């Protein structure tokens, strides 16, 4: 690699608004992000890198939509249009379906992450002060509770292939854990008392 001969690739500015845009996620030619355009509530936007077009997936001024993620054709986010946080989805190949609820159990479902057919999220179904990680397989419709600790918080899950990672406060501090969906084994990745 010779930095003198390297080509310059200019940045592409996707948003241009005085209010914040954040929580971007990318897969293939698509970027999704949370946008507080116009100073109102947060909405979810989809940007097509190839065509340079942007569409609002949510735009109701009475609804807050946050924490988007994307995998292939499917976009997921948390949405409070029903009075609590649920997981909504939009399929790029099926715009006629619009946004619709994917996970809407009692209590709040937050922080969704998706990879392929595997959706993970934080679930507050028992109460607002405890949270567990759940997984849903979109191809088999199987729902699996990954953690079972109603006294402490699990948070910020992410998924890639057969691995789910998340933060966990079970040891009195915040550590990172990993769950293997094939072996159904959990591994503590960090163990720092700080």
N, C-alpha and C. Protein backbone atom coordinates (compact mmCIF):
# COMPACT_ATOMS: atom_id res chain seq x y z
N UNK A 1 0.84 -1.19 0.00
CA UNK A 1 0.00 0.00 0.00
C UNK A 1 0.88 1.24 0.00
N UNK A 2 0.67 2.10 -0.94
CA UNK A 2 1.42 3.34 -1.04
C UNK A 2 0.45 4.50 -0.86
N UNK A 3 0.50 5.19 0.30
CA UNK A 3 -0.47 6.27 0.56
C UNK A 3 -0.37 7.43 -0.43
N UNK A 4 0.78 7.60 -1.07
CA UNK A 4 0.93 8.68 -2.04
C UNK A 4 0.08 8.42 -3.27
N UNK A 5 -0.04 7.14 -3.67
CA UNK A 5 -0.80 6.77 -4.85
C UNK A 5 -2.24 6.37 -4.55
N UNK A 6 -2.65 6.46 -3.30
CA UNK A 6 -4.01 6.06 -2.93
C UNK A 6 -5.02 7.03 -3.53
N UNK A 7 -6.16 6.50 -3.94
CA UNK A 7 -7.21 7.33 -4.48
C UNK A 7 -8.00 7.98 -3.36
N UNK A 8 -8.43 9.20 -3.60
CA UNK A 8 -9.27 9.90 -2.63
C UNK A 8 -10.72 9.57 -2.94
N UNK A 9 -11.44 9.08 -1.94
CA UNK A 9 -12.86 8.81 -2.08
C UNK A 9 -13.61 9.83 -1.25
N UNK A 10 -14.29 10.77 -1.89
CA UNK A 10 -14.99 11.81 -1.13
C UNK A 10 -16.14 11.22 -0.31
N UNK A 11 -16.42 11.87 0.78
CA UNK A 11 -17.55 11.49 1.61
C UNK A 11 -18.84 11.89 0.91
N UNK A 12 -19.89 11.14 1.19
CA UNK A 12 -21.22 11.49 0.70
C UNK A 12 -22.05 11.93 1.89
N UNK A 13 -22.52 13.15 1.84
CA UNK A 13 -23.36 13.66 2.91
C UNK A 13 -24.79 13.19 2.67
N UNK A 14 -25.32 12.45 3.61
CA UNK A 14 -26.65 11.87 3.45
C UNK A 14 -27.72 12.81 4.00
N UNK A 15 -27.42 13.46 5.11
CA UNK A 15 -28.42 14.33 5.75
C UNK A 15 -27.91 15.75 5.79
N UNK A 16 -28.85 16.69 5.83
CA UNK A 16 -28.51 18.10 5.86
C UNK A 16 -29.60 18.84 6.62
N UNK A 17 -29.60 18.71 7.92
CA UNK A 17 -30.63 19.32 8.75
C UNK A 17 -29.99 19.82 10.03
N UNK A 18 -30.54 20.87 10.59
CA UNK A 18 -30.00 21.43 11.82
C UNK A 18 -30.25 20.54 13.03
N UNK A 19 -31.20 19.64 12.94
CA UNK A 19 -31.52 18.76 14.06
C UNK A 19 -30.78 17.44 13.89
N UNK A 20 -30.64 16.67 14.96
CA UNK A 20 -29.76 15.50 14.91
C UNK A 20 -30.30 14.33 14.09
N UNK A 21 -29.37 13.65 13.45
CA UNK A 21 -29.60 12.35 12.83
C UNK A 21 -28.57 11.41 13.46
N UNK A 22 -29.01 10.25 13.88
CA UNK A 22 -28.10 9.35 14.59
C UNK A 22 -28.58 7.91 14.50
N UNK A 23 -27.83 7.01 15.14
CA UNK A 23 -28.07 5.55 15.11
C UNK A 23 -28.11 5.01 13.69
N UNK A 24 -27.11 5.31 12.85
CA UNK A 24 -27.13 4.76 11.49
C UNK A 24 -26.79 3.27 11.49
N UNK A 25 -27.34 2.57 10.53
CA UNK A 25 -27.00 1.17 10.27
C UNK A 25 -26.97 1.00 8.76
N UNK A 26 -26.12 0.11 8.29
CA UNK A 26 -25.95 -0.08 6.84
C UNK A 26 -25.91 -1.55 6.51
N UNK A 27 -26.49 -1.89 5.36
CA UNK A 27 -26.37 -3.23 4.81
C UNK A 27 -26.52 -3.10 3.29
N UNK A 28 -25.53 -3.55 2.57
CA UNK A 28 -25.56 -3.45 1.11
C UNK A 28 -25.63 -2.01 0.66
N UNK A 29 -26.63 -1.69 -0.14
CA UNK A 29 -26.80 -0.35 -0.69
C UNK A 29 -27.72 0.54 0.12
N UNK A 30 -28.05 0.14 1.34
CA UNK A 30 -29.04 0.90 2.12
C UNK A 30 -28.49 1.33 3.48
N UNK A 31 -28.87 2.54 3.85
CA UNK A 31 -28.56 3.09 5.17
C UNK A 31 -29.88 3.45 5.82
N UNK A 32 -30.04 3.08 7.08
CA UNK A 32 -31.20 3.53 7.86
C UNK A 32 -30.68 4.35 9.03
N UNK A 33 -31.48 5.30 9.47
CA UNK A 33 -31.07 6.14 10.59
C UNK A 33 -32.27 6.78 11.24
N UNK A 34 -32.02 7.26 12.43
CA UNK A 34 -33.00 7.97 13.24
C UNK A 34 -32.81 9.46 12.97
N UNK A 35 -33.91 10.19 12.82
CA UNK A 35 -33.83 11.58 12.40
C UNK A 35 -34.86 12.41 13.17
N UNK A 36 -34.40 13.51 13.73
CA UNK A 36 -35.30 14.42 14.45
C UNK A 36 -35.55 15.67 13.61
N UNK A 37 -35.71 15.46 12.34
CA UNK A 37 -35.90 16.52 11.37
C UNK A 37 -37.02 17.48 11.78
N UNK A 38 -36.74 18.73 11.68
CA UNK A 38 -37.75 19.73 12.00
C UNK A 38 -37.95 19.94 13.49
N UNK A 39 -37.16 19.26 14.32
CA UNK A 39 -37.25 19.46 15.77
C UNK A 39 -38.36 18.71 16.46
N UNK A 40 -39.05 17.85 15.74
CA UNK A 40 -40.15 17.08 16.33
C UNK A 40 -39.65 15.81 16.99
N UNK A 41 -40.46 14.77 16.89
CA UNK A 41 -40.09 13.47 17.44
C UNK A 41 -39.17 12.74 16.45
N UNK A 42 -38.54 11.70 16.91
CA UNK A 42 -37.63 10.93 16.07
C UNK A 42 -38.40 10.05 15.09
N UNK A 43 -37.93 10.01 13.86
CA UNK A 43 -38.48 9.15 12.81
C UNK A 43 -37.36 8.30 12.24
N UNK A 44 -37.73 7.29 11.45
CA UNK A 44 -36.78 6.41 10.81
C UNK A 44 -36.77 6.72 9.31
N UNK A 45 -35.56 6.88 8.76
CA UNK A 45 -35.38 7.16 7.34
C UNK A 45 -34.54 6.06 6.70
N UNK A 46 -34.80 5.84 5.41
CA UNK A 46 -34.06 4.88 4.59
C UNK A 46 -33.41 5.65 3.45
N UNK A 47 -32.11 5.44 3.27
CA UNK A 47 -31.37 6.09 2.19
C UNK A 47 -30.81 5.03 1.25
N UNK A 48 -31.10 5.15 -0.04
CA UNK A 48 -30.60 4.24 -1.06
C UNK A 48 -29.31 4.85 -1.61
N UNK A 49 -28.19 4.20 -1.36
CA UNK A 49 -26.88 4.72 -1.76
C UNK A 49 -26.77 4.82 -3.28
N UNK A 50 -27.28 3.85 -4.00
CA UNK A 50 -27.15 3.82 -5.45
C UNK A 50 -27.93 4.95 -6.11
N UNK A 51 -29.20 5.11 -5.73
CA UNK A 51 -30.04 6.12 -6.37
C UNK A 51 -29.93 7.49 -5.72
N UNK A 52 -29.42 7.53 -4.47
CA UNK A 52 -29.34 8.79 -3.74
C UNK A 52 -30.67 9.27 -3.22
N UNK A 53 -31.66 8.37 -3.16
CA UNK A 53 -32.99 8.76 -2.68
C UNK A 53 -33.17 8.41 -1.21
N UNK A 54 -34.02 9.18 -0.58
CA UNK A 54 -34.32 9.01 0.84
C UNK A 54 -35.83 8.93 1.00
N UNK A 55 -36.29 8.02 1.87
CA UNK A 55 -37.71 7.98 2.19
C UNK A 55 -37.88 7.89 3.69
N UNK A 56 -38.94 8.52 4.18
CA UNK A 56 -39.30 8.43 5.59
C UNK A 56 -40.12 7.16 5.79
N UNK A 57 -39.67 6.30 6.70
CA UNK A 57 -40.44 5.10 7.00
C UNK A 57 -41.48 5.38 8.07
N UNK A 58 -41.22 6.39 8.91
CA UNK A 58 -42.20 6.84 9.90
C UNK A 58 -42.26 8.36 9.81
N UNK A 59 -43.42 8.92 10.11
CA UNK A 59 -43.54 10.38 10.05
C UNK A 59 -44.71 10.92 10.87
N UNK A 60 -45.26 10.13 11.75
CA UNK A 60 -46.38 10.58 12.59
C UNK A 60 -45.83 11.46 13.71
N UNK A 61 -46.27 12.72 13.83
CA UNK A 61 -45.72 13.60 14.86
C UNK A 61 -46.06 13.18 16.29
N UNK A 62 -46.95 12.23 16.44
CA UNK A 62 -47.30 11.74 17.78
C UNK A 62 -46.56 10.46 18.16
N UNK A 63 -45.72 9.96 17.26
CA UNK A 63 -45.04 8.68 17.48
C UNK A 63 -43.53 8.89 17.44
N UNK A 64 -42.83 8.27 18.40
CA UNK A 64 -41.37 8.28 18.41
C UNK A 64 -40.87 6.93 17.92
N UNK A 65 -39.95 6.95 16.98
CA UNK A 65 -39.37 5.73 16.41
C UNK A 65 -37.85 5.85 16.50
N UNK A 66 -37.19 4.85 17.12
CA UNK A 66 -35.77 4.95 17.41
C UNK A 66 -35.05 3.61 17.21
N UNK A 67 -33.73 3.67 17.23
CA UNK A 67 -32.83 2.51 17.20
C UNK A 67 -33.06 1.58 16.01
N UNK A 68 -32.90 2.09 14.78
CA UNK A 68 -33.09 1.22 13.62
C UNK A 68 -31.91 0.28 13.39
N UNK A 69 -32.20 -0.83 12.73
CA UNK A 69 -31.17 -1.74 12.25
C UNK A 69 -31.67 -2.32 10.93
N UNK A 70 -30.77 -2.86 10.13
CA UNK A 70 -31.13 -3.39 8.82
C UNK A 70 -30.32 -4.64 8.54
N UNK A 71 -30.98 -5.60 7.89
CA UNK A 71 -30.30 -6.79 7.38
C UNK A 71 -31.01 -7.21 6.11
N UNK A 72 -30.29 -7.16 5.00
CA UNK A 72 -30.89 -7.52 3.73
C UNK A 72 -32.06 -6.61 3.40
N UNK A 73 -33.22 -7.20 3.27
CA UNK A 73 -34.44 -6.52 2.87
C UNK A 73 -35.23 -5.94 4.04
N UNK A 74 -34.85 -6.29 5.27
CA UNK A 74 -35.68 -5.95 6.42
C UNK A 74 -35.05 -4.89 7.31
N UNK A 75 -35.87 -3.92 7.68
CA UNK A 75 -35.48 -2.87 8.63
C UNK A 75 -36.32 -3.06 9.88
N UNK A 76 -35.70 -2.92 11.05
CA UNK A 76 -36.42 -3.01 12.32
C UNK A 76 -36.09 -1.78 13.17
N UNK A 77 -37.00 -1.42 14.07
CA UNK A 77 -36.78 -0.32 15.00
C UNK A 77 -37.78 -0.44 16.14
N UNK A 78 -37.55 0.34 17.20
CA UNK A 78 -38.53 0.38 18.29
C UNK A 78 -39.42 1.59 18.10
N UNK A 79 -40.70 1.43 18.45
CA UNK A 79 -41.73 2.39 18.08
C UNK A 79 -42.78 2.44 19.20
N UNK A 80 -43.24 3.64 19.56
CA UNK A 80 -44.19 3.75 20.67
C UNK A 80 -45.61 4.11 20.24
N UNK A 81 -46.00 3.82 19.02
CA UNK A 81 -47.33 4.22 18.54
C UNK A 81 -48.48 3.56 19.28
N UNK A 82 -48.23 2.45 19.97
CA UNK A 82 -49.30 1.76 20.71
C UNK A 82 -49.25 2.05 22.21
N UNK A 83 -48.49 3.07 22.61
CA UNK A 83 -48.45 3.45 24.02
C UNK A 83 -47.31 2.83 24.79
N UNK A 84 -46.63 1.86 24.22
CA UNK A 84 -45.42 1.29 24.81
C UNK A 84 -44.47 0.99 23.65
N UNK A 85 -43.24 0.58 23.96
CA UNK A 85 -42.26 0.31 22.91
C UNK A 85 -42.46 -1.09 22.33
N UNK A 86 -42.64 -1.15 21.02
CA UNK A 86 -42.75 -2.40 20.28
C UNK A 86 -41.71 -2.39 19.17
N UNK A 87 -41.47 -3.55 18.56
CA UNK A 87 -40.55 -3.65 17.45
C UNK A 87 -41.37 -3.63 16.15
N UNK A 88 -41.06 -2.67 15.29
CA UNK A 88 -41.71 -2.54 13.99
C UNK A 88 -40.73 -2.91 12.88
N UNK A 89 -41.28 -3.21 11.71
CA UNK A 89 -40.45 -3.59 10.59
C UNK A 89 -40.97 -2.99 9.29
N UNK A 90 -40.07 -2.91 8.33
CA UNK A 90 -40.39 -2.47 6.97
C UNK A 90 -39.54 -3.31 6.04
N UNK A 91 -40.17 -3.83 4.99
CA UNK A 91 -39.43 -4.64 4.01
C UNK A 91 -39.26 -3.82 2.74
N UNK A 92 -38.01 -3.63 2.33
CA UNK A 92 -37.69 -2.78 1.18
C UNK A 92 -38.38 -3.30 -0.09
N UNK A 93 -38.45 -4.62 -0.25
CA UNK A 93 -39.05 -5.20 -1.45
C UNK A 93 -40.58 -5.17 -1.42
N UNK A 94 -41.16 -4.82 -0.27
CA UNK A 94 -42.63 -4.80 -0.14
C UNK A 94 -43.11 -3.47 0.45
N UNK A 95 -42.85 -2.36 -0.24
CA UNK A 95 -43.29 -1.07 0.29
C UNK A 95 -44.80 -0.97 0.44
N UNK A 96 -45.54 -1.81 -0.29
CA UNK A 96 -46.99 -1.81 -0.19
C UNK A 96 -47.47 -2.22 1.21
N UNK A 97 -46.65 -2.96 1.95
CA UNK A 97 -47.03 -3.37 3.31
C UNK A 97 -46.85 -2.24 4.32
N UNK A 98 -45.99 -1.28 4.00
CA UNK A 98 -45.70 -0.20 4.94
C UNK A 98 -45.02 -0.73 6.18
N UNK A 99 -44.98 0.09 7.21
CA UNK A 99 -44.41 -0.32 8.50
C UNK A 99 -45.47 -1.08 9.28
N UNK A 100 -45.07 -2.17 9.91
CA UNK A 100 -46.04 -2.94 10.68
C UNK A 100 -45.36 -3.55 11.91
N UNK A 101 -46.16 -3.87 12.96
CA UNK A 101 -45.55 -4.43 14.18
C UNK A 101 -45.06 -5.86 13.94
N UNK A 102 -43.85 -6.11 14.40
CA UNK A 102 -43.26 -7.44 14.30
C UNK A 102 -43.29 -8.13 15.67
N UNK A 103 -42.96 -7.37 16.71
CA UNK A 103 -42.98 -7.87 18.09
C UNK A 103 -43.76 -6.86 18.93
N UNK A 104 -44.89 -7.28 19.50
CA UNK A 104 -45.71 -6.36 20.29
C UNK A 104 -46.29 -7.04 21.53
N UNK A 105 -45.41 -7.61 22.33
CA UNK A 105 -45.81 -8.25 23.58
C UNK A 105 -46.14 -7.19 24.62
N UNK A 106 -46.78 -7.57 25.74
CA UNK A 106 -46.98 -6.60 26.82
C UNK A 106 -45.65 -6.06 27.32
N UNK A 107 -45.65 -4.86 27.86
CA UNK A 107 -44.41 -4.22 28.30
C UNK A 107 -43.66 -3.67 27.12
N UNK A 108 -42.42 -3.27 27.35
CA UNK A 108 -41.61 -2.65 26.32
C UNK A 108 -40.64 -3.63 25.69
N UNK A 109 -40.50 -3.56 24.37
CA UNK A 109 -39.47 -4.27 23.63
C UNK A 109 -38.61 -3.19 22.97
N UNK A 110 -37.31 -3.20 23.26
CA UNK A 110 -36.42 -2.10 22.85
C UNK A 110 -35.13 -2.64 22.23
N UNK A 111 -34.37 -1.73 21.65
CA UNK A 111 -33.02 -1.99 21.13
C UNK A 111 -32.94 -3.19 20.20
N UNK A 112 -33.74 -3.22 19.13
CA UNK A 112 -33.69 -4.38 18.23
C UNK A 112 -32.41 -4.41 17.41
N UNK A 113 -31.98 -5.61 17.10
CA UNK A 113 -30.86 -5.85 16.17
C UNK A 113 -31.24 -7.06 15.33
N UNK A 114 -30.82 -7.04 14.07
CA UNK A 114 -31.19 -8.12 13.16
C UNK A 114 -30.02 -8.52 12.30
N UNK A 115 -29.94 -9.81 12.02
CA UNK A 115 -28.99 -10.35 11.04
C UNK A 115 -29.67 -11.55 10.39
N UNK A 116 -29.85 -11.47 9.08
CA UNK A 116 -30.56 -12.55 8.39
C UNK A 116 -31.96 -12.71 8.95
N UNK A 117 -32.29 -13.92 9.39
CA UNK A 117 -33.61 -14.20 9.96
C UNK A 117 -33.63 -14.12 11.48
N UNK A 118 -32.56 -13.65 12.09
CA UNK A 118 -32.49 -13.62 13.55
C UNK A 118 -32.67 -12.19 14.06
N UNK A 119 -33.70 -12.00 14.85
CA UNK A 119 -34.00 -10.72 15.49
C UNK A 119 -33.76 -10.87 16.99
N UNK A 120 -33.05 -9.92 17.58
CA UNK A 120 -32.85 -9.91 19.04
C UNK A 120 -33.28 -8.55 19.57
N UNK A 121 -33.66 -8.50 20.85
CA UNK A 121 -34.06 -7.25 21.47
C UNK A 121 -34.02 -7.39 22.98
N UNK A 122 -34.16 -6.25 23.65
CA UNK A 122 -34.30 -6.21 25.11
C UNK A 122 -35.78 -6.21 25.41
N UNK A 123 -36.20 -7.08 26.31
CA UNK A 123 -37.62 -7.23 26.63
C UNK A 123 -37.88 -6.91 28.10
N UNK A 124 -38.82 -5.99 28.32
CA UNK A 124 -39.20 -5.56 29.67
C UNK A 124 -40.60 -6.07 30.02
N UNK A 125 -40.93 -7.26 29.62
CA UNK A 125 -42.31 -7.72 29.83
C UNK A 125 -42.65 -7.96 31.29
N UNK A 126 -41.68 -8.28 32.14
CA UNK A 126 -42.01 -8.52 33.55
C UNK A 126 -42.18 -7.22 34.32
N UNK A 127 -41.31 -6.23 34.09
CA UNK A 127 -41.47 -4.89 34.64
C UNK A 127 -40.44 -3.97 34.00
N UNK A 128 -40.56 -2.68 34.27
CA UNK A 128 -39.67 -1.70 33.64
C UNK A 128 -38.27 -1.68 34.25
N UNK A 129 -38.07 -2.35 35.39
CA UNK A 129 -36.78 -2.30 36.07
C UNK A 129 -35.94 -3.55 35.83
N UNK A 130 -36.46 -4.49 35.06
CA UNK A 130 -35.66 -5.66 34.70
C UNK A 130 -35.78 -5.84 33.19
N UNK A 131 -34.78 -6.47 32.63
CA UNK A 131 -34.78 -6.66 31.19
C UNK A 131 -34.04 -7.95 30.86
N UNK A 132 -34.56 -8.65 29.87
CA UNK A 132 -33.91 -9.86 29.37
C UNK A 132 -33.77 -9.76 27.86
N UNK A 133 -32.85 -10.55 27.32
CA UNK A 133 -32.63 -10.59 25.89
C UNK A 133 -33.47 -11.73 25.31
N UNK A 134 -34.20 -11.41 24.24
CA UNK A 134 -35.00 -12.40 23.53
C UNK A 134 -34.53 -12.48 22.08
N UNK A 135 -34.80 -13.65 21.46
CA UNK A 135 -34.46 -13.89 20.06
C UNK A 135 -35.69 -14.45 19.36
N UNK A 136 -35.90 -13.99 18.12
CA UNK A 136 -36.99 -14.51 17.31
C UNK A 136 -36.43 -14.90 15.95
N UNK A 137 -36.71 -16.13 15.54
CA UNK A 137 -36.28 -16.61 14.23
C UNK A 137 -37.41 -16.36 13.24
N UNK A 138 -37.18 -15.47 12.29
CA UNK A 138 -38.22 -15.08 11.34
C UNK A 138 -38.56 -16.19 10.35
N UNK A 139 -37.69 -17.19 10.20
CA UNK A 139 -37.98 -18.28 9.26
C UNK A 139 -38.74 -19.42 9.92
N UNK A 140 -38.49 -19.66 11.21
CA UNK A 140 -39.18 -20.77 11.89
C UNK A 140 -40.24 -20.29 12.86
N UNK A 141 -40.27 -18.99 13.13
CA UNK A 141 -41.21 -18.36 14.08
C UNK A 141 -40.95 -18.81 15.52
N UNK A 142 -39.73 -19.26 15.81
CA UNK A 142 -39.38 -19.69 17.16
C UNK A 142 -38.95 -18.48 17.99
N UNK A 143 -39.50 -18.37 19.18
CA UNK A 143 -39.16 -17.33 20.14
C UNK A 143 -38.34 -17.97 21.26
N UNK A 144 -37.18 -17.37 21.57
CA UNK A 144 -36.30 -17.92 22.60
C UNK A 144 -35.90 -16.82 23.56
N UNK A 145 -36.04 -17.08 24.85
CA UNK A 145 -35.52 -16.16 25.86
C UNK A 145 -34.07 -16.53 26.10
N UNK A 146 -33.16 -15.58 25.84
CA UNK A 146 -31.73 -15.85 25.94
C UNK A 146 -31.24 -15.70 27.38
N UNK A 147 -31.67 -14.66 28.08
CA UNK A 147 -31.27 -14.46 29.47
C UNK A 147 -32.50 -14.61 30.35
N UNK A 148 -32.27 -14.98 31.61
CA UNK A 148 -33.37 -15.18 32.55
C UNK A 148 -32.97 -14.62 33.90
N UNK A 149 -32.88 -13.32 33.96
CA UNK A 149 -32.44 -12.64 35.16
C UNK A 149 -33.32 -11.41 35.35
N UNK A 150 -34.36 -11.54 36.15
CA UNK A 150 -35.32 -10.45 36.31
C UNK A 150 -34.88 -9.40 37.32
N UNK A 151 -33.74 -9.58 37.96
CA UNK A 151 -33.29 -8.60 38.94
C UNK A 151 -32.32 -7.58 38.36
N UNK A 152 -31.71 -7.87 37.24
CA UNK A 152 -30.68 -7.00 36.70
C UNK A 152 -30.95 -6.69 35.23
N UNK A 153 -30.21 -5.77 34.71
CA UNK A 153 -30.42 -5.32 33.33
C UNK A 153 -29.48 -6.01 32.35
N UNK A 154 -30.03 -6.48 31.27
CA UNK A 154 -29.27 -6.86 30.08
C UNK A 154 -29.64 -5.82 29.03
N UNK A 155 -28.69 -5.43 28.18
CA UNK A 155 -28.93 -4.29 27.32
C UNK A 155 -28.07 -4.37 26.05
N UNK A 156 -28.42 -3.54 25.06
CA UNK A 156 -27.67 -3.34 23.81
C UNK A 156 -27.29 -4.64 23.10
N UNK A 157 -28.25 -5.48 22.76
CA UNK A 157 -27.88 -6.71 22.05
C UNK A 157 -27.49 -6.43 20.61
N UNK A 158 -26.68 -7.32 20.07
CA UNK A 158 -26.37 -7.33 18.65
C UNK A 158 -26.26 -8.79 18.24
N UNK A 159 -26.39 -9.04 16.94
CA UNK A 159 -26.40 -10.41 16.45
C UNK A 159 -25.63 -10.48 15.14
N UNK A 160 -24.88 -11.57 14.99
CA UNK A 160 -24.22 -11.88 13.73
C UNK A 160 -24.16 -13.40 13.61
N UNK A 161 -24.74 -13.90 12.53
CA UNK A 161 -24.84 -15.33 12.29
C UNK A 161 -25.40 -16.02 13.54
N UNK A 162 -24.65 -16.92 14.19
CA UNK A 162 -25.20 -17.63 15.33
C UNK A 162 -24.73 -17.06 16.68
N UNK A 163 -24.21 -15.84 16.69
CA UNK A 163 -23.73 -15.23 17.93
C UNK A 163 -24.56 -14.00 18.30
N UNK A 164 -24.94 -13.95 19.55
CA UNK A 164 -25.63 -12.80 20.12
C UNK A 164 -24.74 -12.25 21.22
N UNK A 165 -24.47 -10.95 21.19
CA UNK A 165 -23.70 -10.31 22.25
C UNK A 165 -24.56 -9.25 22.91
N UNK A 166 -24.28 -8.97 24.19
CA UNK A 166 -25.07 -8.01 24.94
C UNK A 166 -24.33 -7.59 26.20
N UNK A 167 -24.71 -6.43 26.70
CA UNK A 167 -24.21 -5.97 27.99
C UNK A 167 -25.04 -6.58 29.09
N UNK A 168 -24.42 -6.78 30.26
CA UNK A 168 -25.11 -7.45 31.36
C UNK A 168 -24.56 -6.94 32.69
N UNK A 169 -25.45 -6.60 33.60
CA UNK A 169 -25.06 -6.09 34.91
C UNK A 169 -25.16 -7.09 36.04
N UNK A 170 -25.17 -8.38 35.75
CA UNK A 170 -25.43 -9.39 36.78
C UNK A 170 -24.35 -9.48 37.87
N UNK A 171 -23.13 -9.04 37.60
CA UNK A 171 -22.06 -9.16 38.59
C UNK A 171 -21.79 -7.86 39.33
N UNK A 172 -22.74 -6.94 39.29
CA UNK A 172 -22.57 -5.68 40.00
C UNK A 172 -21.84 -4.63 39.18
N UNK A 173 -21.39 -4.98 38.01
CA UNK A 173 -20.80 -4.03 37.07
C UNK A 173 -21.24 -4.45 35.67
N UNK A 174 -20.82 -3.73 34.67
CA UNK A 174 -21.27 -4.01 33.32
C UNK A 174 -20.22 -4.81 32.56
N UNK A 175 -20.62 -6.02 32.15
CA UNK A 175 -19.75 -6.90 31.37
C UNK A 175 -20.43 -7.23 30.05
N UNK A 176 -19.66 -7.81 29.14
CA UNK A 176 -20.17 -8.25 27.84
C UNK A 176 -20.27 -9.77 27.85
N UNK A 177 -21.41 -10.28 27.40
CA UNK A 177 -21.65 -11.71 27.29
C UNK A 177 -21.95 -12.06 25.83
N UNK A 178 -21.71 -13.32 25.50
CA UNK A 178 -22.02 -13.82 24.16
C UNK A 178 -22.80 -15.13 24.30
N UNK A 179 -23.80 -15.28 23.46
CA UNK A 179 -24.62 -16.48 23.44
C UNK A 179 -24.51 -17.11 22.05
N UNK A 180 -24.20 -18.41 22.01
CA UNK A 180 -24.11 -19.15 20.76
C UNK A 180 -25.44 -19.86 20.54
N UNK A 181 -26.16 -19.50 19.47
CA UNK A 181 -27.48 -20.09 19.24
C UNK A 181 -27.41 -21.56 18.83
N UNK A 182 -26.26 -22.01 18.29
CA UNK A 182 -26.12 -23.43 17.93
C UNK A 182 -25.92 -24.30 19.16
N UNK A 183 -25.00 -23.87 20.04
CA UNK A 183 -24.70 -24.68 21.22
C UNK A 183 -25.58 -24.33 22.41
N UNK A 184 -26.28 -23.19 22.33
CA UNK A 184 -27.12 -22.67 23.42
C UNK A 184 -26.29 -22.44 24.69
N UNK A 185 -25.05 -22.02 24.50
CA UNK A 185 -24.14 -21.74 25.61
C UNK A 185 -23.85 -20.25 25.69
N UNK A 186 -23.78 -19.74 26.91
CA UNK A 186 -23.44 -18.34 27.16
C UNK A 186 -22.00 -18.27 27.65
N UNK A 187 -21.26 -17.27 27.17
CA UNK A 187 -19.88 -17.06 27.57
C UNK A 187 -19.71 -15.62 28.02
N UNK A 188 -19.09 -15.44 29.18
CA UNK A 188 -18.75 -14.10 29.64
C UNK A 188 -17.48 -13.68 28.93
N UNK A 189 -17.52 -12.55 28.19
CA UNK A 189 -16.36 -12.10 27.43
C UNK A 189 -15.49 -11.13 28.20
N UNK A 190 -16.07 -10.32 29.09
CA UNK A 190 -15.29 -9.38 29.89
C UNK A 190 -15.56 -9.64 31.37
N UNK A 191 -14.54 -9.35 32.19
CA UNK A 191 -14.65 -9.57 33.63
C UNK A 191 -13.78 -8.56 34.33
N UNK A 192 -14.16 -7.31 34.22
CA UNK A 192 -13.40 -6.23 34.82
C UNK A 192 -14.21 -5.65 35.96
N UNK A 193 -13.66 -5.61 37.18
CA UNK A 193 -14.44 -5.12 38.32
C UNK A 193 -14.71 -3.61 38.28
N UNK A 194 -14.11 -2.90 37.36
CA UNK A 194 -14.31 -1.44 37.30
C UNK A 194 -15.67 -1.10 36.75
